[in-house]
N, C-alpha and C. Protein backbone atom coordinates (compact mmCIF):
# COMPACT_ATOMS: atom_id res chain seq x y z
N MET A 1 -75.79 48.62 14.53
CA MET A 1 -74.71 47.76 14.10
C MET A 1 -73.82 47.48 15.31
N SER A 2 -73.66 46.21 15.65
CA SER A 2 -72.84 45.88 16.81
C SER A 2 -71.40 45.64 16.39
N LYS A 3 -70.49 45.98 17.30
CA LYS A 3 -69.08 45.75 17.04
C LYS A 3 -68.71 44.38 17.58
N ARG A 4 -67.87 43.66 16.86
CA ARG A 4 -67.40 42.37 17.32
C ARG A 4 -66.03 42.56 17.94
N SER A 5 -65.90 42.19 19.19
CA SER A 5 -64.63 42.35 19.89
C SER A 5 -63.59 41.39 19.34
N ILE A 6 -62.34 41.84 19.25
CA ILE A 6 -61.27 40.94 18.84
C ILE A 6 -60.75 40.14 20.03
N VAL A 7 -61.27 40.42 21.22
CA VAL A 7 -60.85 39.71 22.42
C VAL A 7 -62.01 38.84 22.88
N PRO A 8 -61.95 37.52 22.58
CA PRO A 8 -63.05 36.64 22.96
C PRO A 8 -63.31 36.69 24.46
N ALA A 9 -64.57 36.74 24.85
CA ALA A 9 -64.96 36.87 26.25
C ALA A 9 -64.49 35.68 27.08
N GLU A 10 -64.38 34.51 26.45
CA GLU A 10 -64.01 33.32 27.22
C GLU A 10 -62.53 33.30 27.63
N LEU A 11 -61.70 34.17 27.06
CA LEU A 11 -60.29 34.18 27.44
C LEU A 11 -60.15 34.63 28.88
N GLY A 12 -59.41 33.88 29.64
CA GLY A 12 -59.20 34.23 31.04
C GLY A 12 -60.35 33.83 31.94
N ALA A 13 -61.43 33.31 31.38
CA ALA A 13 -62.60 32.94 32.18
C ALA A 13 -62.28 31.80 33.13
N SER A 14 -61.32 30.96 32.78
CA SER A 14 -60.98 29.82 33.62
C SER A 14 -60.13 30.22 34.82
N GLY A 15 -59.74 31.48 34.90
CA GLY A 15 -58.88 31.94 35.99
C GLY A 15 -57.42 31.94 35.60
N ASP A 16 -57.10 31.34 34.45
CA ASP A 16 -55.72 31.35 33.97
C ASP A 16 -55.38 32.73 33.46
N LEU A 17 -54.13 33.12 33.64
CA LEU A 17 -53.69 34.39 33.08
C LEU A 17 -53.57 34.25 31.57
N PRO A 18 -54.01 35.26 30.83
CA PRO A 18 -53.84 35.19 29.38
C PRO A 18 -52.37 35.28 29.01
N SER A 19 -52.03 34.79 27.83
CA SER A 19 -50.65 34.83 27.35
C SER A 19 -50.20 36.27 27.17
N PRO A 20 -48.88 36.51 27.09
CA PRO A 20 -48.41 37.87 26.84
C PRO A 20 -48.99 38.47 25.56
N GLU A 21 -49.13 37.66 24.53
CA GLU A 21 -49.70 38.16 23.27
C GLU A 21 -51.12 38.64 23.46
N VAL A 22 -51.91 37.86 24.21
CA VAL A 22 -53.31 38.24 24.47
C VAL A 22 -53.36 39.51 25.30
N ARG A 23 -52.48 39.62 26.31
CA ARG A 23 -52.47 40.84 27.13
C ARG A 23 -52.13 42.06 26.29
N VAL A 24 -51.20 41.93 25.34
CA VAL A 24 -50.88 43.06 24.45
C VAL A 24 -52.09 43.42 23.61
N LEU A 25 -52.76 42.43 23.03
CA LEU A 25 -53.95 42.70 22.22
C LEU A 25 -55.05 43.35 23.05
N GLN A 26 -55.24 42.87 24.26
CA GLN A 26 -56.27 43.46 25.13
C GLN A 26 -55.92 44.91 25.47
N HIS A 27 -54.65 45.17 25.74
CA HIS A 27 -54.22 46.53 26.06
C HIS A 27 -54.43 47.43 24.84
N LEU A 28 -54.02 46.97 23.67
CA LEU A 28 -54.20 47.76 22.45
C LEU A 28 -55.67 48.03 22.18
N ALA A 29 -56.51 47.02 22.38
CA ALA A 29 -57.95 47.20 22.14
C ALA A 29 -58.55 48.24 23.08
N ALA A 30 -58.00 48.34 24.29
CA ALA A 30 -58.52 49.29 25.27
C ALA A 30 -57.97 50.70 25.06
N CYS A 31 -56.85 50.84 24.38
CA CYS A 31 -56.18 52.14 24.26
C CYS A 31 -56.98 53.20 23.51
N ARG A 32 -57.48 52.86 22.36
CA ARG A 32 -58.19 53.81 21.48
C ARG A 32 -57.26 54.82 20.82
N VAL A 33 -56.27 55.33 21.55
CA VAL A 33 -55.32 56.30 21.00
C VAL A 33 -53.91 55.83 21.36
N ILE A 34 -53.02 55.86 20.37
CA ILE A 34 -51.62 55.50 20.61
C ILE A 34 -50.78 56.74 20.32
N ALA A 35 -50.03 57.17 21.32
CA ALA A 35 -49.13 58.31 21.13
C ALA A 35 -47.94 57.85 20.30
N VAL A 36 -47.56 58.63 19.30
CA VAL A 36 -46.40 58.32 18.48
C VAL A 36 -45.34 59.37 18.79
N ALA A 37 -44.15 58.90 19.20
CA ALA A 37 -43.11 59.83 19.62
C ALA A 37 -41.79 59.49 18.95
N THR A 38 -41.10 60.51 18.49
CA THR A 38 -39.72 60.41 18.04
C THR A 38 -38.89 61.04 19.14
N ILE A 39 -38.16 60.21 19.88
CA ILE A 39 -37.43 60.68 21.07
C ILE A 39 -35.94 60.71 20.75
N ALA A 40 -35.40 61.92 20.67
CA ALA A 40 -33.98 62.09 20.32
C ALA A 40 -33.07 61.72 21.49
N ASP A 41 -33.49 62.05 22.70
CA ASP A 41 -32.67 61.79 23.89
C ASP A 41 -33.39 60.75 24.75
N PRO A 42 -32.85 59.53 24.84
CA PRO A 42 -33.52 58.47 25.58
C PRO A 42 -33.77 58.81 27.05
N ARG A 43 -33.04 59.77 27.59
CA ARG A 43 -33.26 60.15 28.99
C ARG A 43 -34.65 60.76 29.19
N HIS A 44 -35.30 61.17 28.11
CA HIS A 44 -36.64 61.77 28.22
C HIS A 44 -37.76 60.74 28.06
N ALA A 45 -37.43 59.51 27.71
CA ALA A 45 -38.46 58.51 27.40
C ALA A 45 -39.31 58.14 28.60
N GLU A 46 -38.68 57.91 29.73
CA GLU A 46 -39.44 57.52 30.91
C GLU A 46 -40.38 58.64 31.36
N ALA A 47 -39.88 59.87 31.40
CA ALA A 47 -40.72 61.00 31.80
C ALA A 47 -41.86 61.23 30.81
N THR A 48 -41.57 61.05 29.52
CA THR A 48 -42.61 61.20 28.50
C THR A 48 -43.70 60.15 28.72
N SER A 49 -43.29 58.91 28.97
CA SER A 49 -44.26 57.84 29.21
C SER A 49 -45.09 58.10 30.46
N ARG A 50 -44.44 58.58 31.52
CA ARG A 50 -45.17 58.88 32.76
C ARG A 50 -46.19 60.00 32.54
N ALA A 51 -45.80 61.02 31.78
CA ALA A 51 -46.71 62.13 31.51
C ALA A 51 -47.91 61.67 30.68
N LEU A 52 -47.65 60.83 29.68
CA LEU A 52 -48.75 60.30 28.87
C LEU A 52 -49.70 59.47 29.73
N LEU A 53 -49.15 58.61 30.57
CA LEU A 53 -49.97 57.77 31.44
C LEU A 53 -50.79 58.63 32.40
N ALA A 54 -50.18 59.67 32.95
CA ALA A 54 -50.91 60.57 33.84
C ALA A 54 -52.04 61.28 33.11
N GLY A 55 -51.86 61.48 31.81
CA GLY A 55 -52.90 62.13 31.00
C GLY A 55 -53.92 61.17 30.42
N GLY A 56 -53.81 59.88 30.78
CA GLY A 56 -54.80 58.91 30.34
C GLY A 56 -54.43 58.10 29.10
N LEU A 57 -53.23 58.26 28.59
CA LEU A 57 -52.78 57.47 27.43
C LEU A 57 -51.82 56.39 27.91
N SER A 58 -52.13 55.14 27.63
CA SER A 58 -51.30 54.05 28.14
C SER A 58 -50.59 53.26 27.03
N CYS A 59 -50.54 53.82 25.83
CA CYS A 59 -49.82 53.19 24.71
C CYS A 59 -48.95 54.23 24.03
N ILE A 60 -47.69 53.87 23.77
CA ILE A 60 -46.78 54.76 23.06
C ILE A 60 -46.04 53.95 22.00
N GLU A 61 -45.93 54.53 20.83
CA GLU A 61 -45.09 53.98 19.76
C GLU A 61 -43.88 54.89 19.65
N ILE A 62 -42.70 54.34 19.87
CA ILE A 62 -41.46 55.11 19.73
C ILE A 62 -40.86 54.78 18.37
N THR A 63 -40.72 55.81 17.55
CA THR A 63 -40.21 55.58 16.20
C THR A 63 -38.72 55.30 16.24
N LEU A 64 -38.28 54.45 15.33
CA LEU A 64 -36.85 54.10 15.25
C LEU A 64 -36.14 55.01 14.26
N ARG A 65 -36.30 56.31 14.46
CA ARG A 65 -35.71 57.31 13.56
C ARG A 65 -34.52 58.03 14.15
N THR A 66 -34.17 57.73 15.39
CA THR A 66 -33.03 58.41 16.03
C THR A 66 -32.05 57.36 16.55
N PRO A 67 -30.79 57.75 16.71
CA PRO A 67 -29.79 56.80 17.24
C PRO A 67 -30.14 56.28 18.63
N GLY A 68 -30.87 57.05 19.42
CA GLY A 68 -31.20 56.65 20.78
C GLY A 68 -32.53 55.93 20.92
N ALA A 69 -33.16 55.57 19.82
CA ALA A 69 -34.51 54.98 19.89
C ALA A 69 -34.56 53.67 20.67
N ALA A 70 -33.57 52.80 20.48
CA ALA A 70 -33.57 51.51 21.19
C ALA A 70 -33.51 51.74 22.69
N GLU A 71 -32.66 52.63 23.11
CA GLU A 71 -32.55 52.94 24.54
C GLU A 71 -33.83 53.62 25.03
N ALA A 72 -34.43 54.46 24.21
CA ALA A 72 -35.69 55.11 24.59
C ALA A 72 -36.78 54.07 24.84
N ILE A 73 -36.83 53.04 24.02
CA ILE A 73 -37.82 51.96 24.22
C ILE A 73 -37.56 51.28 25.55
N ARG A 74 -36.30 50.95 25.84
CA ARG A 74 -35.98 50.31 27.12
C ARG A 74 -36.37 51.20 28.30
N GLU A 75 -36.10 52.49 28.20
CA GLU A 75 -36.44 53.43 29.29
C GLU A 75 -37.96 53.56 29.45
N ALA A 76 -38.67 53.64 28.35
CA ALA A 76 -40.13 53.78 28.41
C ALA A 76 -40.78 52.55 29.04
N ARG A 77 -40.18 51.39 28.83
CA ARG A 77 -40.74 50.15 29.39
C ARG A 77 -40.62 50.09 30.91
N ARG A 78 -39.88 51.00 31.51
CA ARG A 78 -39.78 51.05 32.98
C ARG A 78 -41.10 51.50 33.61
N VAL A 79 -41.96 52.12 32.83
CA VAL A 79 -43.21 52.68 33.35
C VAL A 79 -44.29 51.60 33.36
N GLN A 80 -44.65 51.16 34.56
CA GLN A 80 -45.67 50.13 34.69
C GLN A 80 -47.01 50.66 34.18
N GLY A 81 -47.67 49.85 33.36
CA GLY A 81 -48.95 50.23 32.80
C GLY A 81 -48.87 50.83 31.42
N MET A 82 -47.66 51.11 30.94
CA MET A 82 -47.47 51.68 29.60
C MET A 82 -47.11 50.57 28.63
N LEU A 83 -47.86 50.46 27.56
CA LEU A 83 -47.55 49.53 26.48
C LEU A 83 -46.65 50.27 25.49
N VAL A 84 -45.45 49.74 25.27
CA VAL A 84 -44.47 50.41 24.43
C VAL A 84 -44.31 49.63 23.13
N GLY A 85 -44.49 50.33 22.02
CA GLY A 85 -44.31 49.74 20.71
C GLY A 85 -43.19 50.43 19.96
N ALA A 86 -42.68 49.76 18.94
CA ALA A 86 -41.65 50.34 18.07
C ALA A 86 -42.29 50.69 16.75
N GLY A 87 -41.96 51.85 16.22
CA GLY A 87 -42.49 52.28 14.93
C GLY A 87 -41.37 52.49 13.94
N THR A 88 -41.73 52.50 12.68
CA THR A 88 -40.76 52.67 11.59
C THR A 88 -39.73 51.53 11.63
N VAL A 89 -40.22 50.31 11.83
CA VAL A 89 -39.34 49.14 11.85
C VAL A 89 -39.05 48.75 10.41
N LEU A 90 -37.78 48.81 10.04
CA LEU A 90 -37.39 48.59 8.65
C LEU A 90 -36.72 47.25 8.41
N SER A 91 -36.30 46.56 9.48
CA SER A 91 -35.68 45.25 9.30
C SER A 91 -35.94 44.37 10.52
N ASN A 92 -35.77 43.06 10.35
CA ASN A 92 -35.99 42.12 11.44
C ASN A 92 -35.03 42.37 12.58
N GLY A 93 -35.48 42.12 13.79
CA GLY A 93 -34.60 42.16 14.95
C GLY A 93 -34.29 43.54 15.50
N VAL A 94 -35.04 44.55 15.09
CA VAL A 94 -34.70 45.89 15.57
C VAL A 94 -35.76 46.49 16.49
N ALA A 95 -36.70 45.71 16.96
CA ALA A 95 -37.77 46.26 17.81
C ALA A 95 -37.30 46.49 19.24
N HIS A 96 -36.15 45.95 19.63
CA HIS A 96 -35.50 46.27 20.91
C HIS A 96 -36.41 46.13 22.12
N GLY A 97 -37.14 45.05 22.20
CA GLY A 97 -37.95 44.79 23.38
C GLY A 97 -39.33 45.41 23.35
N ALA A 98 -39.69 46.05 22.26
CA ALA A 98 -41.04 46.61 22.17
C ALA A 98 -42.05 45.47 22.15
N LEU A 99 -43.24 45.74 22.64
CA LEU A 99 -44.27 44.71 22.68
C LEU A 99 -45.15 44.69 21.44
N ALA A 100 -45.01 45.68 20.60
CA ALA A 100 -45.75 45.75 19.34
C ALA A 100 -44.89 46.57 18.39
N MET A 101 -45.17 46.46 17.08
CA MET A 101 -44.39 47.25 16.14
C MET A 101 -45.19 47.55 14.90
N THR A 102 -44.79 48.62 14.21
CA THR A 102 -45.39 48.99 12.94
C THR A 102 -44.29 49.09 11.89
N THR A 103 -44.66 48.84 10.65
CA THR A 103 -43.71 48.88 9.55
C THR A 103 -44.26 49.79 8.47
N PRO A 104 -43.48 50.78 8.04
CA PRO A 104 -43.97 51.69 7.00
C PRO A 104 -44.29 50.93 5.71
N GLY A 105 -45.39 51.28 5.12
CA GLY A 105 -45.76 50.69 3.84
C GLY A 105 -46.48 49.37 3.95
N ASP A 106 -46.58 48.79 5.14
CA ASP A 106 -47.28 47.52 5.29
C ASP A 106 -48.76 47.83 5.49
N THR A 107 -49.51 47.65 4.45
CA THR A 107 -50.94 47.94 4.52
C THR A 107 -51.75 46.67 4.73
N SER A 108 -51.07 45.52 4.86
CA SER A 108 -51.79 44.28 5.12
C SER A 108 -52.27 44.30 6.56
N MET A 109 -53.39 43.74 6.79
CA MET A 109 -53.95 43.67 8.13
C MET A 109 -54.13 42.21 8.49
N SER A 110 -53.92 41.90 9.76
CA SER A 110 -54.23 40.56 10.22
C SER A 110 -55.73 40.37 10.14
N THR A 111 -56.13 39.18 9.76
CA THR A 111 -57.56 38.88 9.69
C THR A 111 -58.06 38.58 11.10
N LEU A 112 -59.36 38.65 11.29
CA LEU A 112 -59.95 38.31 12.57
C LEU A 112 -59.61 36.87 12.94
N ASP A 113 -59.63 35.96 11.95
CA ASP A 113 -59.27 34.56 12.21
C ASP A 113 -57.83 34.44 12.72
N GLU A 114 -56.90 35.21 12.13
CA GLU A 114 -55.50 35.16 12.58
C GLU A 114 -55.37 35.66 14.01
N VAL A 115 -56.06 36.73 14.34
CA VAL A 115 -56.02 37.28 15.70
C VAL A 115 -56.62 36.28 16.69
N GLU A 116 -57.76 35.69 16.33
CA GLU A 116 -58.40 34.73 17.22
C GLU A 116 -57.53 33.50 17.43
N ARG A 117 -56.86 33.02 16.37
CA ARG A 117 -55.94 31.88 16.50
C ARG A 117 -54.83 32.20 17.51
N LEU A 118 -54.26 33.38 17.37
CA LEU A 118 -53.21 33.82 18.29
C LEU A 118 -53.73 33.84 19.72
N MET A 119 -54.91 34.38 19.90
CA MET A 119 -55.46 34.55 21.23
C MET A 119 -55.86 33.23 21.87
N LEU A 120 -56.02 32.20 21.08
CA LEU A 120 -56.34 30.89 21.61
C LEU A 120 -55.08 30.06 21.84
N GLY A 121 -53.92 30.74 21.80
CA GLY A 121 -52.67 30.09 22.16
C GLY A 121 -51.88 29.53 21.00
N GLN A 122 -52.28 29.82 19.80
CA GLN A 122 -51.54 29.33 18.65
C GLN A 122 -50.48 30.35 18.27
N SER A 123 -49.77 30.12 17.21
CA SER A 123 -48.64 30.94 16.81
C SER A 123 -49.02 32.40 16.59
N ALA A 124 -48.11 33.31 17.02
CA ALA A 124 -48.30 34.74 16.80
C ALA A 124 -47.80 35.17 15.44
N ARG A 125 -47.13 34.26 14.72
CA ARG A 125 -46.54 34.60 13.44
C ARG A 125 -47.59 34.66 12.35
N VAL A 126 -47.59 35.74 11.60
CA VAL A 126 -48.47 35.88 10.45
C VAL A 126 -47.58 35.95 9.22
N VAL A 127 -47.72 35.00 8.33
CA VAL A 127 -46.88 34.95 7.12
C VAL A 127 -47.70 35.47 5.96
N ARG A 128 -47.14 36.41 5.23
CA ARG A 128 -47.82 36.98 4.07
C ARG A 128 -47.16 36.49 2.82
């Protein structure tokens, strides 16, 4: 049984840089494991991200469960090569610069067609 990649091979073939959305999807597809962290003190976010990256993990989801979570996301984004996501997003506008986010209780999944549309330069918005 072959796996179908969500990242079409023709993307970037022309020499053009892929869009930020495509780069996030490509990074997520390559990660395999996403570290989930609840960081109480944002001063620890950058060091945590560096340690994860040194250990081979290049994706982190910082949960929005502490007062310092927004600052922790900003600090973690200082680490080049680390994809930073926000977790436990409960309302619009609170991802604080994260490149990806998760919402508790959302069991809907984007379809392959929706992902491919996004990757071909169309809207990143998925309306349910």
